[in-house]
Structures are given as C-alpha cells and as structure tokens.
C-alpha atoms as a PDB file:
ATOM      1  CA  MET A   1      52.321 101.475 112.605  1.00  0.00           C
ATOM      2  CA  ASP A   2      50.915 102.445 109.248  1.00  0.00           C
ATOM      3  CA  GLU A   3      51.450 100.206 106.295  1.00  0.00           C
ATOM      4  CA  GLY A   4      53.197 101.329 103.145  1.00  0.00           C
ATOM      5  CA  LYS A   5      56.564 102.857 102.306  1.00  0.00           C
ATOM      6  CA  VAL A   6      58.566 103.786 105.428  1.00  0.00           C
ATOM      7  CA  PHE A   7      62.031 104.255 103.872  1.00  0.00           C
ATOM      8  CA  ASP A   8      63.100 105.075 100.322  1.00  0.00           C
ATOM      9  CA  GLN A   9      66.385 106.184  98.751  1.00  0.00           C
ATOM     10  CA  PHE A  10      67.031 106.458  95.006  1.00  0.00           C
ATOM     11  CA  LEU A  11      70.691 106.654  94.023  1.00  0.00           C
ATOM     12  CA  HIS A  12      72.101 108.032  90.781  1.00  0.00           C
ATOM     13  CA  LEU A  13      75.486 106.350  90.473  1.00  0.00           C
ATOM     14  CA  PRO A  14      78.417 106.921  88.091  1.00  0.00           C
ATOM     15  CA  ASP A  15      78.208 105.808  84.454  1.00  0.00           C
ATOM     16  CA  GLY A  16      74.391 105.858  84.382  1.00  0.00           C
ATOM     17  CA  TYR A  17      73.822 103.140  86.976  1.00  0.00           C
ATOM     18  CA  GLN A  18      70.956 103.484  89.430  1.00  0.00           C
ATOM     19  CA  ALA A  19      69.856 101.820  92.637  1.00  0.00           C
ATOM     20  CA  GLN A  20      66.805 102.092  94.837  1.00  0.00           C
ATOM     21  CA  VAL A  21      66.572 100.823  98.389  1.00  0.00           C
ATOM     22  CA  MET A  22      63.159 100.792 100.029  1.00  0.00           C
ATOM     23  CA  VAL A  23      61.379  99.353 103.064  1.00  0.00           C
ATOM     24  CA  MET A  24      57.654  98.668 103.028  1.00  0.00           C
ATOM     25  CA  ALA A  25      55.595  98.016 106.174  1.00  0.00           C
ATOM     26  CA  GLU A  26      53.093  95.232 105.527  1.00  0.00           C
ATOM     27  CA  PRO A  27      50.363  93.940 107.865  1.00  0.00           C
ATOM     28  CA  VAL A  28      50.837  90.395 109.126  1.00  0.00           C
ATOM     29  CA  SER A  29      47.825  88.184 108.549  1.00  0.00           C
ATOM     30  CA  GLY A  30      46.324  86.920 111.802  1.00  0.00           C
ATOM     31  CA  LEU A  31      48.323  89.284 114.025  1.00  0.00           C
ATOM     32  CA  GLU A  32      46.253  92.413 114.666  1.00  0.00           C
ATOM     33  CA  GLY A  33      48.393  95.561 114.587  1.00  0.00           C
ATOM     34  CA  LYS A  34      51.623  93.696 113.758  1.00  0.00           C
ATOM     35  CA  VAL A  35      53.653  94.615 110.673  1.00  0.00           C
ATOM     36  CA  ALA A  36      56.579  93.045 108.882  1.00  0.00           C
ATOM     37  CA  TYR A  37      59.140  95.138 107.032  1.00  0.00           C
ATOM     38  CA  ARG A  38      60.040  94.162 103.477  1.00  0.00           C
ATOM     39  CA  SER A  39      63.503  95.328 102.377  1.00  0.00           C
ATOM     40  CA  ARG A  40      63.642  95.933  98.626  1.00  0.00           C
ATOM     41  CA  VAL A  41      66.663  96.594  96.434  1.00  0.00           C
ATOM     42  CA  TRP A  42      66.477  97.470  92.743  1.00  0.00           C
ATOM     43  CA  LEU A  43      69.603  97.775  90.558  1.00  0.00           C
ATOM     44  CA  GLY A  44      69.590  99.069  87.009  1.00  0.00           C
ATOM     45  CA  HIS A  45      70.813 101.543  84.416  1.00  0.00           C
ATOM     46  CA  GLU A  46      69.245 104.735  83.118  1.00  0.00           C
ATOM     47  CA  ASP A  47      69.264 103.339  79.555  1.00  0.00           C
ATOM     48  CA  GLU A  48      67.295 100.210  80.510  1.00  0.00           C
ATOM     49  CA  MET A  49      63.577 100.155  81.327  1.00  0.00           C
ATOM     50  CA  ASP A  50      63.713  96.928  83.340  1.00  0.00           C
ATOM     51  CA  PRO A  51      65.955  96.468  86.376  1.00  0.00           C
ATOM     52  CA  TYR A  52      69.010  94.242  86.180  1.00  0.00           C
ATOM     53  CA  LEU A  53      68.171  92.798  89.569  1.00  0.00           C
ATOM     54  CA  TYR A  54      65.411  93.054  92.167  1.00  0.00           C
ATOM     55  CA  ARG A  55      65.644  91.413  95.613  1.00  0.00           C
ATOM     56  CA  THR A  56      63.502  91.429  98.754  1.00  0.00           C
ATOM     57  CA  GLU A  57      63.803  90.163 102.324  1.00  0.00           C
ATOM     58  CA  VAL A  58      61.320  90.342 105.212  1.00  0.00           C
ATOM     59  CA  HIS A  59      62.210  91.452 108.755  1.00  0.00           C
ATOM     60  CA  TRP A  60      60.368  92.197 112.005  1.00  0.00           C
ATOM     61  CA  ASP A  61      62.460  95.269 112.894  1.00  0.00           C
ATOM     62  CA  LEU A  62      62.538  98.484 110.843  1.00  0.00           C
ATOM     63  CA  GLN A  63      66.193  99.320 111.519  1.00  0.00           C
ATOM     64  CA  GLU A  64      67.221  95.764 110.632  1.00  0.00           C
ATOM     65  CA  ALA A  65      65.254  96.062 107.379  1.00  0.00           C
ATOM     66  CA  ILE A  66      67.033  99.328 106.510  1.00  0.00           C
ATOM     67  CA  ARG A  67      70.464  97.853 107.309  1.00  0.00           C
ATOM     68  CA  THR A  68      69.588  94.854 105.118  1.00  0.00           C
ATOM     69  CA  CYS A  69      68.800  97.151 102.177  1.00  0.00           C
ATOM     70  CA  TRP A  70      72.267  98.678 102.322  1.00  0.00           C
ATOM     71  CA  ALA A  71      73.924  95.285 102.835  1.00  0.00           C
ATOM     72  CA  MET A  72      72.102  93.789  99.833  1.00  0.00           C
ATOM     73  CA  LEU A  73      73.106  96.794  97.715  1.00  0.00           C
ATOM     74  CA  ARG A  74      76.788  96.409  98.624  1.00  0.00           C
ATOM     75  CA  GLN A  75      76.642  92.638  98.055  1.00  0.00           C
ATOM     76  CA  LEU A  76      74.773  92.692  94.728  1.00  0.00           C
ATOM     77  CA  ALA A  77      76.293  95.738  92.979  1.00  0.00           C
ATOM     78  CA  PRO A  78      79.516  93.975  91.897  1.00  0.00           C
ATOM     79  CA  HIS A  79      77.416  91.280  90.204  1.00  0.00           C
ATOM     80  CA  CYS A  80      75.281  93.766  88.235  1.00  0.00           C
ATOM     81  CA  PHE A  81      77.364  96.855  87.517  1.00  0.00           C
ATOM     82  CA  ARG A  82      80.151  96.868  84.941  1.00  0.00           C
ATOM     83  CA  SER A  83      81.534 100.144  86.230  1.00  0.00           C
ATOM     84  CA  ARG A  84      84.194 100.150  88.928  1.00  0.00           C
ATOM     85  CA  ALA A  85      83.165 103.722  89.793  1.00  0.00           C
ATOM     86  CA  ALA A  86      79.534 102.664  90.366  1.00  0.00           C
ATOM     87  CA  ILE A  87      80.613  99.715  92.512  1.00  0.00           C
ATOM     88  CA  GLU A  88      82.911 101.926  94.572  1.00  0.00           C
ATOM     89  CA  ALA A  89      80.115 104.505  94.971  1.00  0.00           C
ATOM     90  CA  VAL A  90      77.890 102.045  96.840  1.00  0.00           C
ATOM     91  CA  LYS A  91      80.556 101.216  99.418  1.00  0.00           C
ATOM     92  CA  GLY A  92      79.699 103.085 102.593  1.00  0.00           C
ATOM     93  CA  VAL A  93      76.692 104.838 101.015  1.00  0.00           C
ATOM     94  CA  ASP A  94      74.594 103.938 104.071  1.00  0.00           C
ATOM     95  CA  ARG A  95      76.908 106.109 106.178  1.00  0.00           C
ATOM     96  CA  LYS A  96      76.711 109.041 103.747  1.00  0.00           C
ATOM     97  CA  LEU A  97      72.908 109.316 103.490  1.00  0.00           C
ATOM     98  CA  PRO A  98      70.173 109.800 106.100  1.00  0.00           C
ATOM     99  CA  THR A  99      68.455 106.555 107.128  1.00  0.00           C
ATOM    100  CA  GLY A 100      65.046 107.761 108.106  1.00  0.00           C
END
C-alpha cells in the first residue's frame, strides 16, 4: 500500500459551512510494509481562514477509517455549526456520496 491520501471528500454545506473528511495512509515504524490509516475531519466556514474544529483518529483498516470520518462528522457538526440546515445536511451524507 502506498502512503499518502487514500480518501478525500470536501463538502460545501448550507449557509457557508464546509467540511472535509480525509484518510491518509501512513507507514508504521518498525513494521515493514504495514500502514495505519489516519481519519481526519475538518469543520469550518467559508468566511473563516482557520477551521472551527480538526480531529484525527488512527485505524488499521481503511474501510473502518472511512466510516470513522463520517461518524466524526455527524457527531461534531452540531457542536460547530450554528445552522440547522448545515447540521441536517451531514446526516446520512456517507450514504449519498461515493466512499472510494
């Protein structure tokens, strides 16, 4: 498995909110040929340069890492977005978009 970005979705949400979910493959020190998958979620607004929130988690399985991205997005959006429409837009988004 190559290292680097293996999954990336950027979402333009209602009322100017934005989210990015990404999985990076990273080599594991001391384990030749083994990679870990880092799930990354970024939440922000088009009017702000810096994100409101950025979270990561590490997994051994790519599909688990992708599922975690979507789960973190659904969990964190209500804490960051002040728009009910943006919060509603992230519900089920993992079933509306391709995952690979």
